[in-house]
C-alpha atoms as a PDB file:
ATOM      1  CA  UNK A   1    -113.930-107.914   0.744  1.00  0.00           C
ATOM      2  CA  UNK A   2    -112.155-109.233  -2.598  1.00  0.00           C
ATOM      3  CA  UNK A   3    -113.844-110.668  -5.449  1.00  0.00           C
ATOM      4  CA  UNK A   4    -112.269-113.502  -7.004  1.00  0.00           C
ATOM      5  CA  UNK A   5    -112.739-115.118 -10.524  1.00  0.00           C
ATOM      6  CA  UNK A   6    -111.876-118.384 -11.852  1.00  0.00           C
ATOM      7  CA  UNK A   7    -111.938-119.101 -15.630  1.00  0.00           C
ATOM      8  CA  UNK A   8    -112.107-122.033 -18.098  1.00  0.00           C
ATOM      9  CA  UNK A   9    -110.906-125.457 -16.289  1.00  0.00           C
ATOM     10  CA  UNK A  10    -110.038-123.794 -13.089  1.00  0.00           C
ATOM     11  CA  UNK A  11    -113.797-122.686 -12.738  1.00  0.00           C
ATOM     12  CA  UNK A  12    -114.727-126.827 -13.330  1.00  0.00           C
ATOM     13  CA  UNK A  13    -112.345-127.965 -11.233  1.00  0.00           C
ATOM     14  CA  UNK A  14    -113.055-125.288  -8.121  1.00  0.00           C
ATOM     15  CA  UNK A  15    -116.685-125.660  -8.540  1.00  0.00           C
ATOM     16  CA  UNK A  16    -117.151-121.864  -9.504  1.00  0.00           C
ATOM     17  CA  UNK A  17    -116.618-118.868 -11.465  1.00  0.00           C
ATOM     18  CA  UNK A  18    -116.778-116.463  -8.540  1.00  0.00           C
ATOM     19  CA  UNK A  19    -116.650-115.786  -5.105  1.00  0.00           C
ATOM     20  CA  UNK A  20    -116.278-113.059  -2.635  1.00  0.00           C
ATOM     21  CA  UNK A  21    -114.115-113.241   0.435  1.00  0.00           C
ATOM     22  CA  UNK A  22    -113.431-111.051   3.681  1.00  0.00           C
ATOM     23  CA  UNK A  23    -110.001-110.567   3.408  1.00  0.00           C
ATOM     24  CA  UNK A  24    -108.235-112.023   6.385  1.00  0.00           C
ATOM     25  CA  UNK A  25    -105.949-109.178   7.826  1.00  0.00           C
ATOM     26  CA  UNK A  26    -102.955-111.719   7.177  1.00  0.00           C
ATOM     27  CA  UNK A  27    -103.327-111.679   3.694  1.00  0.00           C
ATOM     28  CA  UNK A  28    -101.043-109.491   2.083  1.00  0.00           C
ATOM     29  CA  UNK A  29    -100.475-111.092  -1.600  1.00  0.00           C
ATOM     30  CA  UNK A  30    -101.855-113.438  -4.074  1.00  0.00           C
ATOM     31  CA  UNK A  31     -99.850-116.181  -2.969  1.00  0.00           C
ATOM     32  CA  UNK A  32    -101.019-115.696   0.630  1.00  0.00           C
ATOM     33  CA  UNK A  33    -104.300-115.700  -0.658  1.00  0.00           C
ATOM     34  CA  UNK A  34    -103.973-118.790  -2.483  1.00  0.00           C
ATOM     35  CA  UNK A  35    -102.745-120.553   0.650  1.00  0.00           C
ATOM     36  CA  UNK A  36    -105.508-119.398   2.323  1.00  0.00           C
ATOM     37  CA  UNK A  37    -107.984-120.961   0.124  1.00  0.00           C
ATOM     38  CA  UNK A  38    -106.361-123.878  -0.072  1.00  0.00           C
ATOM     39  CA  UNK A  39    -106.705-124.407   3.710  1.00  0.00           C
ATOM     40  CA  UNK A  40    -110.640-124.061   3.230  1.00  0.00           C
ATOM     41  CA  UNK A  41    -110.894-126.457   0.616  1.00  0.00           C
ATOM     42  CA  UNK A  42    -108.856-129.097  -1.306  1.00  0.00           C
ATOM     43  CA  UNK A  43    -110.661-128.036  -4.350  1.00  0.00           C
ATOM     44  CA  UNK A  44    -108.407-125.009  -4.510  1.00  0.00           C
ATOM     45  CA  UNK A  45    -104.962-127.268  -4.319  1.00  0.00           C
ATOM     46  CA  UNK A  46    -105.168-126.719  -8.242  1.00  0.00           C
ATOM     47  CA  UNK A  47    -103.761-122.920  -8.137  1.00  0.00           C
ATOM     48  CA  UNK A  48    -100.749-124.548  -6.085  1.00  0.00           C
ATOM     49  CA  UNK A  49    -100.410-127.473  -8.640  1.00  0.00           C
ATOM     50  CA  UNK A  50    -100.260-124.959 -11.690  1.00  0.00           C
ATOM     51  CA  UNK A  51     -99.000-122.194  -9.822  1.00  0.00           C
ATOM     52  CA  UNK A  52     -96.047-121.850 -12.626  1.00  0.00           C
ATOM     53  CA  UNK A  53     -98.712-121.617 -15.480  1.00  0.00           C
ATOM     54  CA  UNK A  54    -101.684-119.884 -14.037  1.00  0.00           C
ATOM     55  CA  UNK A  55    -101.783-116.034 -14.899  1.00  0.00           C
ATOM     56  CA  UNK A  56    -103.216-114.130 -12.326  1.00  0.00           C
ATOM     57  CA  UNK A  57    -104.842-110.533 -12.621  1.00  0.00           C
ATOM     58  CA  UNK A  58    -105.387-107.765 -10.035  1.00  0.00           C
ATOM     59  CA  UNK A  59    -107.670-105.253 -10.869  1.00  0.00           C
ATOM     60  CA  UNK A  60    -107.519-106.064 -14.461  1.00  0.00           C
ATOM     61  CA  UNK A  61    -103.431-105.965 -14.541  1.00  0.00           C
ATOM     62  CA  UNK A  62    -101.378-109.134 -15.262  1.00  0.00           C
ATOM     63  CA  UNK A  63     -99.126-109.843 -12.036  1.00  0.00           C
ATOM     64  CA  UNK A  64     -96.959-112.258 -10.218  1.00  0.00           C
ATOM     65  CA  UNK A  65     -97.803-114.362  -7.135  1.00  0.00           C
ATOM     66  CA  UNK A  66     -96.199-111.434  -4.704  1.00  0.00           C
ATOM     67  CA  UNK A  67     -98.659-108.958  -6.041  1.00  0.00           C
ATOM     68  CA  UNK A  68     -99.895-107.165  -3.105  1.00  0.00           C
ATOM     69  CA  UNK A  69    -104.028-107.141  -2.371  1.00  0.00           C
ATOM     70  CA  UNK A  70    -106.351-105.282  -0.293  1.00  0.00           C
ATOM     71  CA  UNK A  71    -110.010-105.480   0.224  1.00  0.00           C
ATOM     72  CA  UNK A  72    -111.926-103.959  -2.887  1.00  0.00           C
ATOM     73  CA  UNK A  73    -109.848-105.741  -5.150  1.00  0.00           C
ATOM     74  CA  UNK A  74    -110.670-107.633  -8.234  1.00  0.00           C
ATOM     75  CA  UNK A  75    -108.454-111.016  -8.714  1.00  0.00           C
ATOM     76  CA  UNK A  76    -108.846-113.485 -11.577  1.00  0.00           C
ATOM     77  CA  UNK A  77    -106.960-116.985 -12.344  1.00  0.00           C
ATOM     78  CA  UNK A  78    -106.369-117.935 -15.721  1.00  0.00           C
ATOM     79  CA  UNK A  79    -105.123-121.379 -16.736  1.00  0.00           C
ATOM     80  CA  UNK A  80    -103.281-121.858 -19.898  1.00  0.00           C
ATOM     81  CA  UNK A  81    -105.169-122.326 -22.882  1.00  0.00           C
ATOM     82  CA  UNK A  82    -104.517-124.211 -26.238  1.00  0.00           C
ATOM     83  CA  UNK A  83    -105.432-123.362 -29.662  1.00  0.00           C
ATOM     84  CA  UNK A  84    -106.317-125.517 -32.406  1.00  0.00           C
END
Protein backbone atom coordinates (compact mmCIF):
# COMPACT_ATOMS: atom_id res chain seq x y z
CA UNK A 1 0.00 0.00 0.00
CA UNK A 2 1.16 3.55 -0.78
CA UNK A 3 -0.22 6.84 0.47
CA UNK A 4 -0.67 9.51 -2.22
CA UNK A 5 -1.14 13.23 -1.52
CA UNK A 6 -2.35 15.94 -3.92
CA UNK A 7 -1.76 19.62 -3.18
CA UNK A 8 -3.22 22.99 -4.23
CA UNK A 9 -5.19 22.97 -7.49
CA UNK A 10 -4.30 19.33 -8.19
CA UNK A 11 -6.43 18.43 -5.18
CA UNK A 12 -9.35 20.33 -6.69
CA UNK A 13 -8.94 18.86 -10.19
CA UNK A 14 -8.57 15.27 -8.94
CA UNK A 15 -11.26 15.68 -6.30
CA UNK A 16 -9.38 14.43 -3.26
CA UNK A 17 -6.46 15.48 -1.11
CA UNK A 18 -5.10 12.00 -0.47
CA UNK A 19 -5.72 8.32 -0.98
CA UNK A 20 -4.27 4.94 -0.15
CA UNK A 21 -3.65 2.47 -2.91
CA UNK A 22 -2.64 -1.16 -2.97
CA UNK A 23 0.29 -0.94 -5.34
CA UNK A 24 -0.01 -3.38 -8.27
CA UNK A 25 3.20 -5.37 -8.63
CA UNK A 26 3.71 -4.04 -12.17
CA UNK A 27 4.17 -0.47 -10.89
CA UNK A 28 7.84 0.19 -10.25
CA UNK A 29 8.15 4.00 -10.51
CA UNK A 30 6.21 7.24 -10.23
CA UNK A 31 5.54 7.49 -13.99
CA UNK A 32 3.97 4.02 -13.98
CA UNK A 33 1.87 5.03 -10.98
CA UNK A 34 0.66 8.13 -12.86
CA UNK A 35 -0.26 6.01 -15.89
CA UNK A 36 -2.08 3.52 -13.68
CA UNK A 37 -4.08 6.30 -12.01
CA UNK A 38 -5.04 7.75 -15.40
CA UNK A 39 -6.33 4.31 -16.35
CA UNK A 40 -8.57 4.37 -13.29
CA UNK A 41 -10.10 7.81 -13.93
CA UNK A 42 -9.61 10.64 -16.40
CA UNK A 43 -9.50 13.04 -13.44
CA UNK A 44 -5.84 12.00 -13.07
CA UNK A 45 -4.97 13.03 -16.64
CA UNK A 46 -3.99 16.41 -15.18
CA UNK A 47 -0.85 14.69 -13.84
CA UNK A 48 0.28 13.91 -17.38
CA UNK A 49 -0.91 17.19 -18.86
CA UNK A 50 1.37 19.11 -16.48
CA UNK A 51 4.08 16.51 -15.89
CA UNK A 52 6.80 18.95 -16.95
CA UNK A 53 6.02 21.32 -14.06
CA UNK A 54 4.56 19.11 -11.33
CA UNK A 55 6.94 18.42 -8.46
CA UNK A 56 6.97 14.96 -6.97
CA UNK A 57 8.14 13.85 -3.55
CA UNK A 58 8.62 10.29 -2.38
CA UNK A 59 9.00 9.97 1.37
CA UNK A 60 9.43 13.75 1.60
CA UNK A 61 12.33 13.89 -0.88
CA UNK A 62 11.90 15.57 -4.27
CA UNK A 63 12.36 13.09 -7.12
CA UNK A 64 11.66 12.75 -10.83
CA UNK A 65 9.07 10.64 -12.63
CA UNK A 66 11.46 7.68 -12.92
CA UNK A 67 11.96 7.35 -9.15
CA UNK A 68 11.37 3.81 -7.89
CA UNK A 69 8.47 3.31 -5.49
CA UNK A 70 7.46 0.46 -3.24
CA UNK A 71 4.81 -0.49 -0.71
CA UNK A 72 4.85 1.79 2.31
CA UNK A 73 6.00 4.88 0.40
CA UNK A 74 4.33 8.28 0.62
CA UNK A 75 4.06 10.01 -2.74
CA UNK A 76 3.10 13.68 -3.07
CA UNK A 77 2.27 15.70 -6.17
CA UNK A 78 2.76 19.48 -6.07
CA UNK A 79 1.66 21.82 -8.85
CA UNK A 80 3.62 24.98 -9.57
CA UNK A 81 2.56 27.89 -7.42
CA UNK A 82 2.72 31.60 -7.99
CA UNK A 83 3.18 34.30 -5.44
CA UNK A 84 1.78 37.71 -5.37
